[in-house]
N, C-alpha and C. Protein backbone atom coordinates (compact mmCIF):
# COMPACT_ATOMS: atom_id res chain seq x y z
N MET A 1 -4.26 -12.14 7.34
CA MET A 1 -4.29 -12.18 5.90
C MET A 1 -3.08 -11.43 5.36
N LEU A 2 -2.52 -11.92 4.28
CA LEU A 2 -1.47 -11.25 3.54
C LEU A 2 -1.99 -10.89 2.16
N VAL A 3 -1.58 -9.75 1.64
CA VAL A 3 -1.97 -9.31 0.31
C VAL A 3 -0.72 -9.28 -0.55
N THR A 4 -0.81 -9.88 -1.75
CA THR A 4 0.32 -9.92 -2.66
C THR A 4 -0.03 -9.18 -3.95
N PHE A 5 0.87 -8.30 -4.35
CA PHE A 5 0.74 -7.54 -5.60
C PHE A 5 1.70 -8.18 -6.59
N ARG A 6 1.20 -8.54 -7.78
CA ARG A 6 2.01 -9.21 -8.80
C ARG A 6 1.90 -8.49 -10.14
N THR A 7 3.03 -8.43 -10.82
CA THR A 7 3.08 -7.96 -12.20
C THR A 7 4.24 -8.68 -12.86
N LYS A 8 4.20 -8.76 -14.17
CA LYS A 8 5.25 -9.49 -14.89
C LYS A 8 6.58 -8.76 -14.92
N VAL A 9 6.60 -7.48 -14.58
CA VAL A 9 7.81 -6.68 -14.74
C VAL A 9 8.49 -6.29 -13.43
N HIS A 10 8.06 -6.89 -12.32
CA HIS A 10 8.61 -6.54 -11.01
C HIS A 10 8.43 -7.73 -10.09
N ALA A 11 9.29 -7.82 -9.10
CA ALA A 11 9.14 -8.87 -8.08
C ALA A 11 7.82 -8.67 -7.33
N ASP A 12 7.24 -9.77 -6.87
CA ASP A 12 6.00 -9.70 -6.09
C ASP A 12 6.23 -8.91 -4.80
N ILE A 13 5.19 -8.21 -4.37
CA ILE A 13 5.20 -7.46 -3.12
C ILE A 13 4.12 -8.05 -2.23
N THR A 14 4.50 -8.49 -1.03
CA THR A 14 3.53 -9.03 -0.08
C THR A 14 3.55 -8.16 1.17
N MET A 15 2.36 -7.81 1.66
CA MET A 15 2.26 -7.00 2.87
C MET A 15 1.07 -7.47 3.70
N PHE A 16 1.03 -7.02 4.94
CA PHE A 16 -0.09 -7.36 5.81
C PHE A 16 -1.38 -6.87 5.17
N GLY A 17 -2.45 -7.64 5.33
CA GLY A 17 -3.71 -7.37 4.68
C GLY A 17 -4.29 -6.00 4.96
N ALA A 18 -4.27 -5.58 6.23
CA ALA A 18 -4.88 -4.29 6.58
C ALA A 18 -4.17 -3.14 5.88
N VAL A 19 -2.85 -3.21 5.79
CA VAL A 19 -2.09 -2.15 5.12
C VAL A 19 -2.30 -2.21 3.62
N GLY A 20 -2.29 -3.41 3.04
CA GLY A 20 -2.53 -3.57 1.61
C GLY A 20 -3.89 -3.04 1.19
N VAL A 21 -4.91 -3.38 1.97
CA VAL A 21 -6.26 -2.90 1.67
C VAL A 21 -6.34 -1.38 1.82
N GLU A 22 -5.70 -0.85 2.86
CA GLU A 22 -5.70 0.61 3.05
C GLU A 22 -5.04 1.30 1.86
N LEU A 23 -3.93 0.76 1.36
CA LEU A 23 -3.26 1.37 0.22
C LEU A 23 -4.12 1.27 -1.04
N LEU A 24 -4.83 0.17 -1.21
CA LEU A 24 -5.75 0.06 -2.35
C LEU A 24 -6.84 1.13 -2.27
N LYS A 25 -7.38 1.33 -1.08
CA LYS A 25 -8.42 2.36 -0.91
C LYS A 25 -7.87 3.75 -1.16
N LEU A 26 -6.66 4.01 -0.67
CA LEU A 26 -6.04 5.31 -0.92
C LEU A 26 -5.78 5.52 -2.40
N ALA A 27 -5.61 4.43 -3.14
CA ALA A 27 -5.37 4.50 -4.58
C ALA A 27 -6.66 4.66 -5.37
N GLY A 28 -7.78 4.80 -4.66
CA GLY A 28 -9.05 5.03 -5.33
C GLY A 28 -9.79 3.76 -5.70
N MET A 29 -9.36 2.63 -5.14
CA MET A 29 -10.01 1.36 -5.43
C MET A 29 -10.92 0.99 -4.26
N THR A 30 -11.68 -0.09 -4.42
CA THR A 30 -12.64 -0.48 -3.39
C THR A 30 -11.97 -1.10 -2.16
N GLY A 31 -10.81 -1.68 -2.34
CA GLY A 31 -10.15 -2.38 -1.25
C GLY A 31 -10.49 -3.86 -1.23
N ASN A 32 -11.32 -4.29 -2.17
CA ASN A 32 -11.65 -5.71 -2.27
C ASN A 32 -10.46 -6.49 -2.83
N VAL A 33 -10.20 -7.64 -2.24
CA VAL A 33 -9.13 -8.52 -2.70
C VAL A 33 -9.75 -9.90 -2.85
N PRO A 34 -9.55 -10.58 -3.96
CA PRO A 34 -8.64 -10.30 -5.07
C PRO A 34 -9.21 -9.24 -6.01
N THR A 35 -8.27 -8.63 -6.72
CA THR A 35 -8.62 -7.62 -7.71
C THR A 35 -7.48 -7.51 -8.72
N ALA A 36 -7.66 -6.67 -9.69
CA ALA A 36 -6.62 -6.43 -10.69
C ALA A 36 -6.65 -4.96 -11.08
N ILE A 37 -5.49 -4.48 -11.50
CA ILE A 37 -5.38 -3.14 -12.04
C ILE A 37 -4.91 -3.31 -13.48
N LEU A 38 -5.77 -2.97 -14.41
CA LEU A 38 -5.41 -3.11 -15.82
C LEU A 38 -4.31 -2.12 -16.19
N ALA A 39 -3.50 -2.49 -17.14
CA ALA A 39 -2.35 -1.68 -17.54
C ALA A 39 -2.74 -0.24 -17.84
N ALA A 40 -3.87 -0.05 -18.50
CA ALA A 40 -4.32 1.30 -18.84
C ALA A 40 -4.66 2.13 -17.60
N ASP A 41 -5.01 1.47 -16.50
CA ASP A 41 -5.40 2.16 -15.27
C ASP A 41 -4.25 2.37 -14.29
N VAL A 42 -3.13 1.70 -14.49
CA VAL A 42 -2.02 1.77 -13.54
C VAL A 42 -1.53 3.20 -13.33
N PRO A 43 -1.31 4.01 -14.38
CA PRO A 43 -0.83 5.38 -14.13
C PRO A 43 -1.80 6.21 -13.27
N ARG A 44 -3.09 6.06 -13.49
CA ARG A 44 -4.08 6.78 -12.69
C ARG A 44 -4.06 6.32 -11.24
N VAL A 45 -4.00 5.00 -11.03
CA VAL A 45 -3.96 4.44 -9.68
C VAL A 45 -2.70 4.91 -8.96
N LEU A 46 -1.57 4.89 -9.65
CA LEU A 46 -0.30 5.35 -9.07
C LEU A 46 -0.39 6.81 -8.67
N ALA A 47 -0.89 7.65 -9.54
CA ALA A 47 -1.00 9.09 -9.25
C ALA A 47 -1.95 9.34 -8.07
N THR A 48 -3.06 8.61 -8.03
CA THR A 48 -4.02 8.76 -6.94
C THR A 48 -3.39 8.35 -5.62
N LEU A 49 -2.66 7.24 -5.61
CA LEU A 49 -2.00 6.78 -4.39
C LEU A 49 -0.95 7.78 -3.92
N GLU A 50 -0.15 8.30 -4.83
CA GLU A 50 0.87 9.27 -4.45
C GLU A 50 0.25 10.53 -3.85
N ARG A 51 -0.83 11.02 -4.45
CA ARG A 51 -1.53 12.21 -3.90
C ARG A 51 -2.09 11.91 -2.51
N ALA A 52 -2.69 10.74 -2.35
CA ALA A 52 -3.28 10.38 -1.06
C ALA A 52 -2.20 10.24 0.02
N LEU A 53 -1.06 9.67 -0.34
CA LEU A 53 0.03 9.55 0.63
C LEU A 53 0.58 10.92 1.01
N ASP A 54 0.67 11.82 0.05
CA ASP A 54 1.10 13.18 0.34
C ASP A 54 0.11 13.87 1.27
N ALA A 55 -1.18 13.69 1.03
CA ALA A 55 -2.21 14.28 1.88
C ALA A 55 -2.17 13.67 3.28
N HIS A 56 -1.94 12.36 3.36
CA HIS A 56 -1.84 11.68 4.65
C HIS A 56 -0.66 12.24 5.45
N ARG A 57 0.47 12.43 4.76
CA ARG A 57 1.66 12.98 5.43
C ARG A 57 1.39 14.42 5.88
N ALA A 58 0.73 15.21 5.04
CA ALA A 58 0.44 16.60 5.39
C ALA A 58 -0.50 16.67 6.60
N ALA A 59 -1.45 15.77 6.67
CA ALA A 59 -2.43 15.78 7.75
C ALA A 59 -1.90 15.20 9.05
N HIS A 60 -1.02 14.19 8.94
CA HIS A 60 -0.60 13.46 10.14
C HIS A 60 0.89 13.53 10.44
N GLY A 61 1.69 14.12 9.55
CA GLY A 61 3.12 14.21 9.76
C GLY A 61 3.87 13.06 9.10
N ASP A 62 5.19 13.19 9.07
CA ASP A 62 6.04 12.19 8.39
C ASP A 62 6.00 10.83 9.06
N GLY A 63 5.82 10.78 10.35
CA GLY A 63 5.86 9.50 11.07
C GLY A 63 4.51 8.85 11.24
N ALA A 64 3.50 9.28 10.50
CA ALA A 64 2.15 8.76 10.68
C ALA A 64 2.05 7.30 10.25
N PRO A 65 1.55 6.44 11.15
CA PRO A 65 1.36 5.04 10.79
C PRO A 65 0.12 4.86 9.94
N SER A 66 -0.10 3.65 9.51
CA SER A 66 -1.31 3.34 8.75
C SER A 66 -2.52 3.40 9.66
N GLU A 67 -3.70 3.44 9.08
CA GLU A 67 -4.95 3.43 9.86
C GLU A 67 -5.03 2.18 10.73
N ALA A 68 -4.60 1.04 10.17
CA ALA A 68 -4.65 -0.23 10.91
C ALA A 68 -3.81 -0.15 12.17
N GLU A 69 -2.62 0.42 12.09
CA GLU A 69 -1.77 0.56 13.27
C GLU A 69 -2.35 1.57 14.24
N SER A 70 -2.92 2.63 13.73
CA SER A 70 -3.50 3.65 14.59
C SER A 70 -4.65 3.10 15.41
N LYS A 71 -5.37 2.14 14.85
CA LYS A 71 -6.51 1.55 15.54
C LYS A 71 -6.12 0.33 16.37
N GLY A 72 -4.82 0.05 16.44
CA GLY A 72 -4.37 -1.06 17.27
C GLY A 72 -4.38 -2.41 16.60
N LYS A 73 -4.57 -2.45 15.27
CA LYS A 73 -4.62 -3.72 14.57
C LYS A 73 -3.26 -4.13 14.04
N GLY A 74 -2.30 -3.20 14.04
CA GLY A 74 -0.99 -3.49 13.46
C GLY A 74 -0.06 -4.16 14.43
N VAL A 75 1.07 -4.60 13.93
CA VAL A 75 2.08 -5.22 14.75
C VAL A 75 3.04 -4.17 15.25
N GLY A 76 3.68 -4.43 16.40
CA GLY A 76 4.67 -3.52 16.92
C GLY A 76 4.10 -2.20 17.41
N ARG A 77 2.97 -2.25 18.08
CA ARG A 77 2.36 -1.02 18.57
C ARG A 77 3.29 -0.32 19.54
N ALA A 78 3.50 0.95 19.35
CA ALA A 78 4.49 1.71 20.11
C ALA A 78 4.16 1.81 21.59
N GLU A 79 2.87 1.73 21.97
CA GLU A 79 2.52 1.91 23.38
C GLU A 79 2.79 0.65 24.22
N GLU A 80 3.09 -0.48 23.60
CA GLU A 80 3.40 -1.69 24.34
C GLU A 80 4.84 -1.64 24.81
N PRO A 81 5.11 -2.12 26.04
CA PRO A 81 6.49 -2.11 26.54
C PRO A 81 7.40 -2.93 25.62
N GLY A 82 8.52 -2.35 25.24
CA GLY A 82 9.49 -3.05 24.41
C GLY A 82 9.11 -3.18 22.94
N ALA A 83 8.01 -2.57 22.54
CA ALA A 83 7.55 -2.68 21.15
C ALA A 83 8.38 -1.78 20.25
N GLN A 84 8.48 -2.18 19.00
CA GLN A 84 9.18 -1.38 18.00
C GLN A 84 8.31 -0.19 17.61
N PRO A 85 8.93 0.91 17.19
CA PRO A 85 8.13 2.05 16.74
C PRO A 85 7.35 1.69 15.47
N GLN A 86 6.24 2.37 15.28
CA GLN A 86 5.40 2.11 14.12
C GLN A 86 6.09 2.60 12.85
N VAL A 87 5.84 1.89 11.76
CA VAL A 87 6.43 2.24 10.47
C VAL A 87 5.47 3.21 9.77
N PRO A 88 5.97 4.36 9.32
CA PRO A 88 5.09 5.31 8.63
C PRO A 88 4.46 4.69 7.38
N LEU A 89 3.23 5.07 7.11
CA LEU A 89 2.50 4.54 5.97
C LEU A 89 3.27 4.78 4.67
N ARG A 90 3.89 5.92 4.53
CA ARG A 90 4.64 6.23 3.30
C ARG A 90 5.77 5.21 3.09
N HIS A 91 6.41 4.80 4.18
CA HIS A 91 7.48 3.80 4.07
C HIS A 91 6.92 2.44 3.69
N ARG A 92 5.78 2.07 4.26
CA ARG A 92 5.15 0.79 3.91
C ARG A 92 4.74 0.77 2.44
N ALA A 93 4.42 1.93 1.89
CA ALA A 93 3.94 2.02 0.51
C ALA A 93 5.06 2.00 -0.52
N LEU A 94 6.31 2.24 -0.11
CA LEU A 94 7.40 2.36 -1.07
C LEU A 94 7.53 1.18 -2.02
N PRO A 95 7.52 -0.07 -1.54
CA PRO A 95 7.63 -1.19 -2.49
C PRO A 95 6.47 -1.23 -3.49
N LEU A 96 5.27 -0.92 -3.04
CA LEU A 96 4.12 -0.90 -3.94
C LEU A 96 4.25 0.22 -4.96
N LEU A 97 4.72 1.37 -4.54
CA LEU A 97 4.93 2.47 -5.48
C LEU A 97 5.94 2.08 -6.56
N GLU A 98 7.01 1.40 -6.17
CA GLU A 98 8.00 0.94 -7.15
C GLU A 98 7.38 -0.05 -8.13
N LEU A 99 6.59 -0.98 -7.62
CA LEU A 99 5.92 -1.96 -8.47
C LEU A 99 4.99 -1.26 -9.46
N LEU A 100 4.20 -0.30 -8.98
CA LEU A 100 3.27 0.41 -9.85
C LEU A 100 4.02 1.25 -10.90
N ARG A 101 5.13 1.84 -10.52
CA ARG A 101 5.93 2.60 -11.49
C ARG A 101 6.47 1.69 -12.59
N ALA A 102 6.96 0.51 -12.18
CA ALA A 102 7.47 -0.45 -13.17
C ALA A 102 6.36 -0.93 -14.08
N ALA A 103 5.19 -1.21 -13.51
CA ALA A 103 4.05 -1.66 -14.32
C ALA A 103 3.59 -0.57 -15.27
N ALA A 104 3.59 0.67 -14.81
CA ALA A 104 3.19 1.79 -15.68
C ALA A 104 4.16 1.95 -16.83
N ALA A 105 5.45 1.87 -16.54
CA ALA A 105 6.46 2.03 -17.59
C ALA A 105 6.38 0.93 -18.64
N ALA A 106 6.06 -0.29 -18.20
CA ALA A 106 6.00 -1.43 -19.11
C ALA A 106 4.59 -1.69 -19.64
N ARG A 107 3.64 -0.87 -19.20
CA ARG A 107 2.23 -1.06 -19.57
C ARG A 107 1.77 -2.49 -19.27
N ALA A 108 1.99 -2.87 -17.99
CA ALA A 108 1.65 -4.22 -17.54
C ALA A 108 0.52 -4.17 -16.52
N ASP A 109 -0.28 -5.24 -16.49
CA ASP A 109 -1.34 -5.38 -15.50
C ASP A 109 -0.74 -5.70 -14.13
N VAL A 110 -1.52 -5.42 -13.07
CA VAL A 110 -1.15 -5.77 -11.70
C VAL A 110 -2.29 -6.61 -11.14
N VAL A 111 -1.96 -7.75 -10.57
CA VAL A 111 -2.95 -8.64 -9.96
C VAL A 111 -2.72 -8.61 -8.46
N VAL A 112 -3.81 -8.52 -7.69
CA VAL A 112 -3.75 -8.46 -6.24
C VAL A 112 -4.50 -9.66 -5.69
N THR A 113 -3.80 -10.47 -4.88
CA THR A 113 -4.40 -11.67 -4.30
C THR A 113 -4.19 -11.68 -2.79
N ALA A 114 -4.94 -12.54 -2.11
CA ALA A 114 -4.83 -12.68 -0.65
C ALA A 114 -4.48 -14.11 -0.30
N ARG A 115 -3.76 -14.23 0.81
CA ARG A 115 -3.44 -15.55 1.37
C ARG A 115 -3.84 -15.57 2.81
């Protein structure tokens, strides 16, 4: 599954479903897709996600992968021969953080869909 985040003021962001759902949960949402974040709620969701990512980094270090990768559901698992190193959750979240910042500044809704 792929999860796509859309808003009128930023390019769409598509990510693997497990990571997208994890970021939604870290942002204080249920993780259900499809969903929407109303413009009035975007600043709160953004702040919650940033705090959660900071706490995740503090607890697991800068190179901490997402929960999905830690449980072996992600791509490029580091323990496989020739596999690429895991991407830290904070890095995976950067495009979504930018989208949420743009939506907050423009007071725009965010729609989350799955494919």
